[in-house]
Protein backbone atom coordinates (compact mmCIF):
# COMPACT_ATOMS: atom_id res chain seq x y z
CA MET A 1 34.94 118.36 77.57
CA SER A 2 31.67 117.48 75.84
CA ILE A 3 31.23 114.62 73.44
CA LYS A 4 28.57 114.23 70.82
CA MET A 5 27.35 110.58 70.23
CA GLU A 6 24.33 108.58 69.29
CA LEU A 7 21.75 108.40 71.99
CA ALA A 8 21.58 104.63 71.78
CA LEU A 9 25.39 104.31 72.15
CA ARG A 10 25.27 106.53 75.20
CA ASP A 11 22.45 104.73 76.78
CA ARG A 12 24.09 101.30 76.23
CA PHE A 13 27.42 102.57 77.70
CA MET A 14 25.66 104.05 80.70
CA SER A 15 23.81 100.80 81.27
CA VAL A 16 27.02 98.66 81.13
CA ALA A 17 28.78 101.11 83.39
CA ALA A 18 26.00 100.90 85.93
CA ASP A 19 25.83 97.09 85.68
CA ARG A 20 29.55 97.04 86.59
CA HIS A 21 29.22 99.64 89.33
CA ARG A 22 31.78 101.95 87.77
CA PRO A 23 31.36 105.60 87.11
CA ALA A 24 31.12 106.44 83.38
CA ALA A 25 33.66 109.23 83.79
CA GLN A 26 36.19 106.86 85.26
CA ILE A 27 35.77 104.43 82.28
CA ILE A 28 36.23 107.38 79.77
CA ARG A 29 39.47 108.42 81.59
CA ASP A 30 40.76 104.79 81.54
CA LEU A 31 39.96 104.55 77.82
CA MET A 32 41.73 107.91 77.17
CA ARG A 33 44.85 106.68 79.06
CA LEU A 34 44.80 103.43 77.11
CA TYR A 35 44.45 105.27 73.75
CA ILE A 36 47.34 107.49 74.61
CA ALA A 37 49.57 104.70 75.67
CA GLU A 38 48.81 102.69 72.58
CA SER A 39 49.51 105.71 70.44
CA GLU A 40 53.04 106.40 71.75
CA THR A 41 55.56 106.28 69.01
CA PRO A 42 57.43 104.01 69.32
CA ASN A 43 55.53 101.93 71.89
CA ALA A 44 57.48 99.95 74.53
CA LEU A 45 57.58 96.71 72.35
CA THR A 46 58.77 98.56 69.20
CA ALA A 47 61.44 100.39 71.19
CA GLU A 48 62.68 97.05 72.68
CA THR A 49 62.69 95.40 69.27
CA LEU A 50 64.64 98.29 67.70
CA ARG A 51 67.19 98.16 70.64
CA LYS A 52 67.66 94.42 70.17
CA SER A 53 67.99 94.68 66.42
CA ALA A 54 70.68 97.41 66.74
CA LYS A 55 72.64 95.04 69.02
CA GLY A 56 72.12 92.09 66.63
CA GLU A 57 69.88 90.33 69.07
CA ASP A 58 66.88 88.24 67.80
CA VAL A 59 67.95 88.86 64.22
CA PHE A 60 67.50 85.88 61.90
CA PRO A 61 68.89 86.27 58.32
CA VAL A 62 67.02 84.59 55.49
CA SER A 63 67.75 84.32 51.81
CA SER A 64 64.12 84.25 50.60
CA LEU A 65 60.55 85.08 51.51
CA SER A 66 59.79 81.34 51.77
CA GLY A 67 62.75 80.91 54.11
CA LEU A 68 61.36 83.72 56.31
CA PHE A 69 57.93 82.14 56.34
CA LYS A 70 59.60 78.73 57.26
CA GLN A 71 61.46 80.30 60.13
CA LEU A 72 58.32 82.06 61.39
CA GLY A 73 56.32 78.78 61.08
CA ILE A 74 53.88 80.28 58.67
């Protein structure tokens, strides 16, 4: 894989990686794994929320938008 980027961005990234004694390739792999994990549909939190909602857990009925905001403390 090759990646095109601005020279200044590359230089700054390489400098930070060197300052932290981490290979740039390892940082890129970590960022790719993080991006994939955050892009999963649904993510773990969403899946858990959907499961709970289907079971009627953590569901709070409200009769108005202001009532919802009040329950949420907004």
